[in-house]
Amino acid sequence: MATSFSATKVLQPLPLNSTRSAEKPLLGQSLKGSSSFLGSSSHKLSLKKTFYPHQSQRRSNKAVVAVSDVVKEKKSKSKSSSSNLLITKEEGLVLYEDMVLGRAFEDMCAQMYYRGKMFGFVHLYNGQEAVSTGFIKLLKKEDSVVSTYRDHVHALSKGVPARQVMSELFGKTTGCCRGQGGSMHMFSKEHNVLGGFAFIGEGIPVATGAAFSSKYRREVLKEADCDHVTLAFFGDGTCNNGQFYECLNMAALWKLPIIFVVENNLWAIGMSHLRSTSDPEIWKKGPAFGMPGVHVDGMDVLKVREVAMEAVGRARRGEGPTLVECETYRFRGHSLADPDELRDPAEKNHYATRDPITALKKYMFENNLVNEAELKAIDKKIDELVEESVEFADASPVPARNQLLENVFADPRGFGIGPDGRYRCEDPKFTEGTAQV
């Protein structure tokens, strides 16, 4: 199976005190030649001069495409022309279905929001599906995902049923958080979705803690089968926050099984990434903490998937964390309350031509992996699934008032439940502000 690392930029970390052979790079050499971010002329970042954290790290002027023993072994066994394909038919259909589900679900969310079925801020994921699908569909159920306020599709990719996600958005008891989380706080213990987080950066320490738990269970509690990894998703704006750097340091120090996935959509609400960051190439920050840093085209699910396979594999093998910057683009405003008037229309049009779902379809057609009827069958299946999720959510009950203070206080009897055993919020005086607490 061929690898798509030729489309990525990779940095080696500075040498640490370890027994790692100098001939075995963590993720491969930085590639020779020029490269650039994929944005419009106003967002292009020239990388004509390859950056190395230390000149002694330069091992070869040749690009290293096979970035691990696993990939090298796969390449050595490739004998037929079909082995050059990046995916099998079955894998392609899984990727396509997941991306279409994410897109159709978010489009339906927009409809429901404007019909008054959802409240508060709702942030959609349109355009960024290749990142979620490329990473999460490689995980096991036991692996963990930590998201941001743009979390619906991450939850769907991890296996949370669409009807549970939609019900949560509707604020219904059948939602994955019983209607108490809403759009920005998707959580599922069953699927190890450890939450969406409304404040940027606050999910990264949670993800780091989850990765530490995996390492502790394996090395201290001797649970030999605990090779679980954690994905921490966050945006370019978060990379200017302190939690990001603190957790990179801790993860590298303890070689935690975590992948830090930067979904760089070039805009932090209305602030251009280039105006807010001293060095906008986020992937370079990994080697400063002793981990590989990788830049990949986040509009191409096959390139994302190839990088993710190596990063997840490293984490499972106990080789430590990886920082992956996926350059992507959102096709809608920051939220459904954002008129999206600050971004250049030419820039938006440029990225619309690079739709990740269209790109995957083109690849599968060109390589005779699927036919039009198969994809149309998936489209129909997803449309029916999303429609059913809306019907289910709409028919579901709203939470009872006595649910208001559940899961809020560690000792609810200290405040949430009165001496008579009844919830204080059931007292009419509670909402009047006259109840004695």
Protein backbone atom coordinates (compact mmCIF):
# COMPACT_ATOMS: atom_id res chain seq x y z
CA MET A 1 0.00 0.00 0.00
CA ALA A 2 1.48 3.33 -0.98
CA THR A 3 1.82 6.19 1.45
CA SER A 4 0.83 9.82 1.02
CA PHE A 5 3.45 11.30 3.29
CA SER A 6 5.00 12.84 0.21
CA ALA A 7 2.33 15.51 0.60
CA THR A 8 3.21 16.35 4.17
CA LYS A 9 5.89 18.29 5.98
CA VAL A 10 7.50 16.55 8.93
CA LEU A 11 9.91 17.81 11.58
CA GLN A 12 12.13 15.74 13.83
CA PRO A 13 12.36 16.61 17.52
CA LEU A 14 15.65 17.46 19.12
CA PRO A 15 17.53 14.36 20.31
CA LEU A 16 16.52 13.30 23.80
CA ASN A 17 18.20 10.96 26.23
CA SER A 18 16.95 7.73 24.74
CA THR A 19 18.21 4.62 23.06
CA ARG A 20 16.47 5.39 19.79
CA SER A 21 18.64 4.75 16.79
CA ALA A 22 19.56 7.77 14.71
CA GLU A 23 18.62 5.73 11.65
CA LYS A 24 14.98 5.38 12.81
CA PRO A 25 13.28 8.79 12.56
CA LEU A 26 10.10 9.28 14.50
CA LEU A 27 7.98 10.17 11.51
CA GLY A 28 10.42 10.63 8.68
CA GLN A 29 12.62 13.39 7.36
CA SER A 30 11.47 16.86 6.51
CA LEU A 31 10.81 16.69 2.80
CA LYS A 32 13.09 18.34 0.34
CA GLY A 33 11.86 21.21 -1.79
CA SER A 34 9.29 23.90 -1.43
CA SER A 35 5.87 23.55 0.04
CA SER A 36 3.19 25.93 1.12
CA PHE A 37 -0.02 26.16 2.95
CA LEU A 38 -2.95 25.75 0.63
CA GLY A 39 -4.76 29.03 1.21
CA SER A 40 -5.45 31.85 -1.16
CA SER A 41 -2.68 34.33 -1.92
CA SER A 42 -3.46 36.11 1.33
CA HIS A 43 -2.96 32.91 3.32
CA LYS A 44 -0.04 31.22 1.62
CA LEU A 45 2.87 30.49 3.93
CA SER A 46 6.03 29.83 2.01
CA LEU A 47 8.16 26.95 3.29
CA LYS A 48 10.85 27.22 0.66
CA LYS A 49 13.52 26.87 3.32
CA THR A 50 13.06 23.71 5.36
CA PHE A 51 13.26 24.36 9.08
CA TYR A 52 15.32 22.08 11.31
CA PRO A 53 15.39 22.43 15.08
CA HIS A 54 19.10 21.70 14.99
CA GLN A 55 21.48 21.36 12.07
CA SER A 56 22.75 18.03 13.40
CA GLN A 57 19.26 16.63 12.87
CA ARG A 58 19.75 16.69 9.08
CA ARG A 59 20.35 13.05 8.21
CA SER A 60 19.78 13.03 4.49
CA ASN A 61 18.79 15.31 1.64
CA LYS A 62 16.47 12.63 0.29
CA ALA A 63 12.80 12.59 1.12
CA VAL A 64 11.81 9.68 3.29
CA VAL A 65 8.44 8.40 2.16
CA ALA A 66 8.30 5.18 4.18
CA VAL A 67 8.03 6.62 7.64
CA SER A 68 7.91 3.50 9.77
CA ASP A 69 8.79 -0.15 9.66
CA VAL A 70 5.09 -0.93 9.20
CA VAL A 71 4.82 1.20 6.08
CA LYS A 72 8.14 -0.11 4.75
CA GLU A 73 6.93 -3.67 5.18
CA LYS A 74 3.72 -2.88 3.34
CA LYS A 75 5.66 -1.32 0.49
CA SER A 76 8.06 -4.24 0.23
CA LYS A 77 5.12 -6.63 -0.14
CA SER A 78 3.48 -4.55 -2.87
CA LYS A 79 3.69 -6.50 -6.12
CA SER A 80 0.53 -5.79 -8.04
CA SER A 81 -0.62 -2.48 -9.46
CA SER A 82 -3.62 -2.51 -7.14
CA SER A 83 -1.27 -2.45 -4.15
CA ASN A 84 -0.47 1.17 -5.01
CA LEU A 85 -3.96 2.18 -3.95
CA LEU A 86 -4.19 4.13 -0.72
CA ILE A 87 -7.41 2.35 0.32
CA THR A 88 -9.45 -0.73 -0.43
CA LYS A 89 -13.01 -0.50 -1.67
CA GLU A 90 -14.36 -1.36 1.77
CA GLU A 91 -12.23 1.32 3.42
CA GLY A 92 -13.27 3.88 0.84
CA LEU A 93 -16.96 3.20 1.42
CA VAL A 94 -16.51 3.57 5.20
CA LEU A 95 -14.72 6.90 4.74
CA TYR A 96 -17.29 8.17 2.27
CA GLU A 97 -20.26 7.20 4.43
CA ASP A 98 -18.79 8.86 7.51
CA MET A 99 -18.00 12.09 5.68
CA VAL A 100 -21.44 12.23 4.05
CA LEU A 101 -23.06 11.60 7.42
CA GLY A 102 -21.15 14.52 8.93
CA ARG A 103 -22.06 16.87 6.09
CA ALA A 104 -25.75 15.89 5.90
CA PHE A 105 -26.13 16.05 9.68
CA GLU A 106 -24.67 19.55 9.87
CA ASP A 107 -26.79 20.77 6.98
CA MET A 108 -29.86 19.50 8.82
CA CYS A 109 -28.68 21.24 12.00
CA ALA A 110 -28.70 24.54 10.12
CA GLN A 111 -32.29 23.96 9.05
CA MET A 112 -33.40 23.02 12.54
CA TYR A 113 -31.60 25.98 14.11
CA TYR A 114 -33.34 28.49 11.86
CA ARG A 115 -36.66 26.79 12.56
CA GLY A 116 -36.16 27.41 16.27
CA LYS A 117 -35.54 23.79 17.26
CA MET A 118 -32.06 24.54 18.65
CA PHE A 119 -30.91 27.31 20.94
CA GLY A 120 -27.67 29.04 21.85
CA PHE A 121 -24.59 28.91 19.65
CA VAL A 122 -24.30 26.10 17.10
CA HIS A 123 -20.97 25.66 15.31
CA LEU A 124 -20.98 23.52 12.17
CA TYR A 125 -18.20 21.37 10.73
CA ASN A 126 -18.91 21.63 6.99
CA GLY A 127 -15.66 21.39 5.00
CA GLN A 128 -13.56 19.84 7.75
CA GLU A 129 -14.92 16.28 7.49
CA ALA A 130 -11.64 14.82 6.19
CA VAL A 131 -9.97 15.50 9.54
CA SER A 132 -12.58 13.84 11.72
CA THR A 133 -13.01 10.86 9.42
CA GLY A 134 -9.30 10.46 8.64
CA PHE A 135 -8.39 10.18 12.31
CA ILE A 136 -11.36 8.81 14.22
CA LYS A 137 -12.26 5.95 11.86
CA LEU A 138 -8.85 4.41 12.69
CA LEU A 139 -9.62 4.21 16.41
CA LYS A 140 -10.89 1.40 18.58
CA LYS A 141 -13.94 1.85 20.76
CA GLU A 142 -11.70 2.01 23.85
CA ASP A 143 -9.72 4.95 22.44
CA SER A 144 -10.74 8.42 23.57
CA VAL A 145 -11.65 11.59 21.71
CA VAL A 146 -11.72 15.08 23.19
CA SER A 147 -13.35 17.78 21.09
CA THR A 148 -14.18 21.48 21.01
CA TYR A 149 -17.40 23.47 20.62
CA ARG A 150 -17.46 22.20 16.99
CA ASP A 151 -18.05 18.65 18.16
CA HIS A 152 -21.11 17.10 16.50
CA VAL A 153 -19.19 15.33 13.74
CA HIS A 154 -16.44 14.07 16.06
CA ALA A 155 -19.14 12.37 18.12
CA LEU A 156 -20.75 10.87 15.01
CA SER A 157 -17.42 9.58 13.70
CA LYS A 158 -16.73 7.92 17.06
CA GLY A 159 -20.01 6.03 16.86
CA VAL A 160 -22.47 8.08 18.90
CA PRO A 161 -25.86 7.47 17.20
CA ALA A 162 -27.16 10.38 15.12
CA ARG A 163 -30.48 10.35 17.00
CA GLN A 164 -28.65 10.87 20.31
CA VAL A 165 -26.62 13.77 18.95
CA MET A 166 -29.67 15.41 17.38
CA SER A 167 -31.71 14.93 20.55
CA GLU A 168 -28.95 16.60 22.54
CA LEU A 169 -29.06 19.55 20.17
CA PHE A 170 -32.82 19.70 20.68
CA GLY A 171 -32.31 19.67 24.47
CA LYS A 172 -34.22 16.40 24.93
CA THR A 173 -33.82 13.66 27.55
CA THR A 174 -32.88 11.13 24.83
CA GLY A 175 -29.74 13.11 23.99
CA CYS A 176 -26.31 11.76 24.79
CA CYS A 177 -26.19 14.14 27.79
CA ARG A 178 -29.93 13.96 28.55
CA GLY A 179 -30.37 17.40 27.03
CA GLN A 180 -28.09 19.14 29.55
CA GLY A 181 -25.03 19.54 27.34
CA GLY A 182 -26.31 20.96 24.10
CA SER A 183 -24.33 21.70 20.97
CA MET A 184 -20.97 22.45 22.57
CA HIS A 185 -20.83 19.67 25.15
CA MET A 186 -21.26 16.29 23.47
CA PHE A 187 -20.24 13.48 25.80
CA SER A 188 -20.59 9.70 25.66
CA LYS A 189 -19.07 7.40 28.23
CA GLU A 190 -20.05 4.39 26.12
CA HIS A 191 -18.12 5.65 23.09
CA ASN A 192 -15.29 7.36 25.02
CA VAL A 193 -16.15 10.80 23.73
CA LEU A 194 -14.87 12.79 26.68
CA GLY A 195 -16.67 15.96 25.82
CA GLY A 196 -16.87 18.99 23.66
CA PHE A 197 -15.50 22.09 25.40
CA ALA A 198 -16.89 25.55 24.83
CA PHE A 199 -13.80 27.41 26.05
CA ILE A 200 -10.86 26.93 23.73
CA GLY A 201 -7.97 24.93 25.13
CA GLU A 202 -9.75 23.48 28.15
CA GLY A 203 -10.17 20.08 26.50
CA ILE A 204 -6.42 19.57 25.96
CA PRO A 205 -5.60 18.91 29.64
CA VAL A 206 -8.53 16.46 29.80
CA ALA A 207 -7.15 14.60 26.79
CA THR A 208 -3.67 14.60 28.32
CA GLY A 209 -5.11 13.13 31.51
CA ALA A 210 -6.89 10.42 29.53
CA ALA A 211 -3.62 9.53 27.81
CA PHE A 212 -1.85 9.42 31.18
CA SER A 213 -4.56 7.06 32.44
CA SER A 214 -3.86 4.67 29.54
CA LYS A 215 -0.13 4.71 30.24
CA TYR A 216 -0.66 4.25 33.99
CA ARG A 217 -2.98 1.29 33.49
CA ARG A 218 -0.48 -0.38 31.18
CA GLU A 219 2.77 0.29 33.01
CA VAL A 220 1.72 0.50 36.67
CA LEU A 221 -1.41 -1.63 36.87
CA LYS A 222 0.12 -4.09 34.36
CA GLU A 223 -2.90 -4.18 32.06
CA ALA A 224 -0.97 -5.50 29.09
CA ASP A 225 -3.86 -5.07 26.65
CA CYS A 226 -4.35 -1.39 27.47
CA ASP A 227 -2.86 0.23 24.38
CA HIS A 228 -5.55 2.91 24.20
CA VAL A 229 -4.74 6.23 22.57
CA THR A 230 -6.34 9.66 22.84
CA LEU A 231 -7.05 12.24 20.16
CA ALA A 232 -7.21 15.90 21.22
CA PHE A 233 -8.89 18.10 18.61
CA PHE A 234 -8.57 21.87 18.70
CA GLY A 235 -8.21 24.83 16.37
CA ASP A 236 -5.49 27.23 15.31
CA GLY A 237 -6.66 29.91 17.77
CA THR A 238 -6.14 27.53 20.69
CA CYS A 239 -2.46 27.18 19.86
CA ASN A 240 -1.79 30.60 21.39
CA ASN A 241 -3.09 29.44 24.79
CA GLY A 242 -1.01 28.23 27.70
CA GLN A 243 -2.75 24.87 28.14
CA PHE A 244 -1.55 23.85 24.69
CA TYR A 245 2.12 24.33 25.55
CA GLU A 246 1.87 22.89 29.05
CA CYS A 247 0.28 19.72 27.74
CA LEU A 248 2.75 19.34 24.87
CA ASN A 249 5.50 19.45 27.46
CA MET A 250 3.87 16.95 29.79
CA ALA A 251 2.94 14.56 26.98
CA ALA A 252 6.48 14.54 25.62
CA LEU A 253 8.03 14.26 29.08
CA TRP A 254 5.99 11.17 29.94
CA LYS A 255 5.71 9.80 26.35
CA LEU A 256 1.94 9.74 26.57
CA PRO A 257 -0.15 7.97 23.89
CA ILE A 258 -1.83 11.10 22.54
CA ILE A 259 -2.13 12.83 19.18
CA PHE A 260 -2.66 16.58 19.22
CA VAL A 261 -4.75 17.34 16.12
CA VAL A 262 -4.82 21.00 15.11
CA GLU A 263 -7.75 21.75 12.81
CA ASN A 264 -6.30 24.90 11.30
CA ASN A 265 -9.17 26.43 9.34
CA LEU A 266 -7.20 29.69 9.11
CA TRP A 267 -9.70 31.77 11.07
CA ALA A 268 -10.36 32.16 14.81
CA ILE A 269 -13.91 33.50 14.45
CA GLY A 270 -13.03 36.63 12.44
CA MET A 271 -9.31 36.80 13.25
CA SER A 272 -6.95 35.62 10.55
CA HIS A 273 -4.47 33.03 11.78
CA LEU A 274 -1.62 34.99 10.16
CA ARG A 275 -2.42 38.10 12.20
CA SER A 276 -2.60 36.39 15.58
CA THR A 277 0.40 34.05 15.67
CA SER A 278 4.08 34.99 15.57
CA ASP A 279 4.95 31.76 13.72
CA PRO A 280 1.81 30.54 11.97
CA GLU A 281 3.33 27.16 11.10
CA ILE A 282 1.95 25.35 14.13
CA TRP A 283 3.47 22.01 13.18
CA LYS A 284 6.93 23.40 13.99
CA LYS A 285 6.05 23.63 17.67
CA GLY A 286 6.17 19.86 18.15
CA PRO A 287 9.97 19.41 17.96
CA ALA A 288 10.48 22.17 20.54
CA PHE A 289 8.92 19.77 23.05
CA GLY A 290 10.58 16.62 21.75
CA MET A 291 7.83 15.24 19.50
CA PRO A 292 7.34 15.09 15.73
CA GLY A 293 5.43 17.91 14.07
CA VAL A 294 3.53 17.20 10.85
CA HIS A 295 1.66 19.43 8.41
CA VAL A 296 -0.90 17.75 6.19
CA ASP A 297 -3.57 18.78 3.69
CA GLY A 298 -6.69 18.60 5.83
CA MET A 299 -8.95 18.75 2.77
CA ASP A 300 -7.76 15.30 1.60
CA VAL A 301 -9.03 12.43 3.76
CA LEU A 302 -6.50 9.98 2.29
CA LYS A 303 -3.54 12.16 3.21
CA VAL A 304 -4.97 12.78 6.67
CA ARG A 305 -5.58 9.07 7.14
CA GLU A 306 -2.04 8.14 6.17
CA VAL A 307 -0.58 10.59 8.68
CA ALA A 308 -3.08 9.43 11.31
CA MET A 309 -2.14 5.76 10.81
CA GLU A 310 1.47 6.50 11.63
CA ALA A 311 0.71 8.82 14.55
CA VAL A 312 -1.80 6.42 16.11
CA GLY A 313 0.59 3.54 15.56
CA ARG A 314 3.39 5.39 17.32
CA ALA A 315 1.13 6.10 20.29
CA ARG A 316 0.02 2.46 20.54
CA ARG A 317 3.63 1.26 20.42
CA GLY A 318 4.50 3.50 23.34
CA GLU A 319 6.63 5.87 21.27
CA GLY A 320 4.92 9.02 22.52
CA PRO A 321 2.84 11.92 21.22
CA THR A 322 2.61 13.58 17.83
CA LEU A 323 1.50 17.08 16.84
CA VAL A 324 -0.41 17.09 13.54
CA GLU A 325 -1.53 20.30 11.89
CA CYS A 326 -4.34 19.69 9.41
CA GLU A 327 -4.88 22.70 7.22
CA THR A 328 -8.57 22.77 6.47
CA TYR A 329 -11.40 25.24 5.95
CA ARG A 330 -14.94 25.66 7.22
CA PHE A 331 -17.56 26.27 4.57
CA ARG A 332 -19.88 28.17 6.91
CA GLY A 333 -19.44 31.02 9.36
CA HIS A 334 -17.91 30.53 12.79
CA SER A 335 -21.37 29.72 14.12
CA LEU A 336 -24.89 29.92 12.75
CA ALA A 337 -25.09 33.38 14.31
CA ASP A 338 -22.11 34.54 12.22
CA PRO A 339 -22.99 36.24 8.89
CA ASP A 340 -19.48 35.34 7.67
CA GLU A 341 -18.74 38.72 6.13
CA LEU A 342 -15.07 38.99 7.12
CA ARG A 343 -13.57 36.29 4.91
CA ASP A 344 -12.68 37.08 1.30
CA PRO A 345 -15.27 35.57 -1.08
CA ALA A 346 -12.43 34.53 -3.41
CA GLU A 347 -10.84 32.57 -0.57
CA LYS A 348 -14.12 30.83 0.22
CA ASN A 349 -14.64 29.98 -3.43
CA HIS A 350 -11.12 28.58 -3.66
CA TYR A 351 -11.72 26.14 -0.84
CA ALA A 352 -15.18 25.22 -2.10
CA THR A 353 -13.44 23.72 -5.14
CA ARG A 354 -11.42 21.52 -2.78
CA ASP A 355 -14.41 19.86 -1.11
CA PRO A 356 -13.02 16.75 0.67
CA ILE A 357 -16.07 14.61 -0.16
CA THR A 358 -15.82 15.46 -3.85
CA ALA A 359 -12.09 14.68 -3.79
CA LEU A 360 -12.66 11.24 -2.26
CA LYS A 361 -15.38 10.42 -4.82
CA LYS A 362 -13.04 11.45 -7.63
CA TYR A 363 -10.26 9.22 -6.30
CA MET A 364 -12.52 6.19 -5.97
CA PHE A 365 -14.02 6.66 -9.44
CA GLU A 366 -10.61 7.13 -11.08
CA ASN A 367 -9.33 3.93 -9.46
CA ASN A 368 -12.48 1.92 -10.22
CA LEU A 369 -13.16 1.25 -6.54
CA VAL A 370 -16.86 2.10 -6.64
CA ASN A 371 -19.64 2.99 -9.03
CA GLU A 372 -22.20 5.78 -8.94
CA ALA A 373 -25.00 3.49 -7.79
CA GLU A 374 -23.09 2.42 -4.68
CA LEU A 375 -22.49 6.00 -3.60
CA LYS A 376 -26.07 7.02 -4.32
CA ALA A 377 -27.22 4.15 -2.11
CA ILE A 378 -25.08 5.54 0.71
CA ASP A 379 -26.42 9.05 0.14
CA LYS A 380 -29.99 7.74 0.38
CA LYS A 381 -29.19 5.77 3.53
CA ILE A 382 -27.69 8.82 5.22
CA ASP A 383 -30.58 11.09 4.22
CA GLU A 384 -33.02 8.64 5.79
CA LEU A 385 -30.84 8.33 8.91
CA VAL A 386 -30.67 12.08 9.42
CA GLU A 387 -34.40 12.52 8.80
CA GLU A 388 -35.12 9.79 11.35
CA SER A 389 -32.84 11.47 13.89
CA VAL A 390 -34.87 14.69 13.57
CA GLU A 391 -38.18 12.86 13.95
CA PHE A 392 -36.84 11.01 17.00
CA ALA A 393 -35.52 14.18 18.61
CA ASP A 394 -38.67 16.14 17.92
CA ALA A 395 -40.85 13.44 19.49
CA SER A 396 -38.63 12.99 22.54
CA PRO A 397 -39.60 14.54 25.89
CA VAL A 398 -37.95 17.59 27.39
CA PRO A 399 -36.15 17.11 30.73
CA ALA A 400 -38.22 17.37 33.89
CA ARG A 401 -37.52 20.33 36.16
CA ASN A 402 -36.15 18.01 38.82
CA GLN A 403 -33.29 17.13 36.45
CA LEU A 404 -32.01 20.70 36.59
CA LEU A 405 -29.53 20.22 39.42
CA GLU A 406 -28.54 16.61 38.68
CA ASN A 407 -24.87 16.14 37.86
CA VAL A 408 -24.16 19.66 39.08
CA PHE A 409 -23.11 19.21 42.69
CA ALA A 410 -20.95 16.44 44.09
CA ASP A 411 -23.21 16.45 47.18
CA PRO A 412 -26.60 17.57 45.88
CA ARG A 413 -28.14 17.34 49.38
CA GLY A 414 -25.97 20.26 50.37
CA PHE A 415 -27.90 22.50 48.01
CA GLY A 416 -29.92 20.81 45.31
CA ILE A 417 -32.16 18.62 47.50
CA GLY A 418 -34.04 19.88 50.52
CA PRO A 419 -34.40 18.18 53.93
CA ASP A 420 -37.65 16.59 52.76
CA GLY A 421 -35.78 14.78 49.98
CA ARG A 422 -37.36 16.82 47.22
CA TYR A 423 -35.41 18.91 44.75
CA ARG A 424 -35.33 22.54 45.80
CA CYS A 425 -36.05 23.59 42.22
CA GLU A 426 -39.51 22.01 42.60
CA ASP A 427 -40.34 24.63 45.21
CA PRO A 428 -42.19 27.49 43.42
CA LYS A 429 -40.29 29.93 45.61
CA PHE A 430 -37.00 28.67 44.17
CA THR A 431 -37.54 30.32 40.81
CA GLU A 432 -38.96 33.41 42.49
CA GLY A 433 -35.73 33.84 44.36
CA THR A 434 -37.47 33.79 47.76
CA ALA A 435 -36.68 30.23 48.82
CA GLN A 436 -34.37 29.89 51.83
CA VAL A 437 -31.27 27.84 50.86
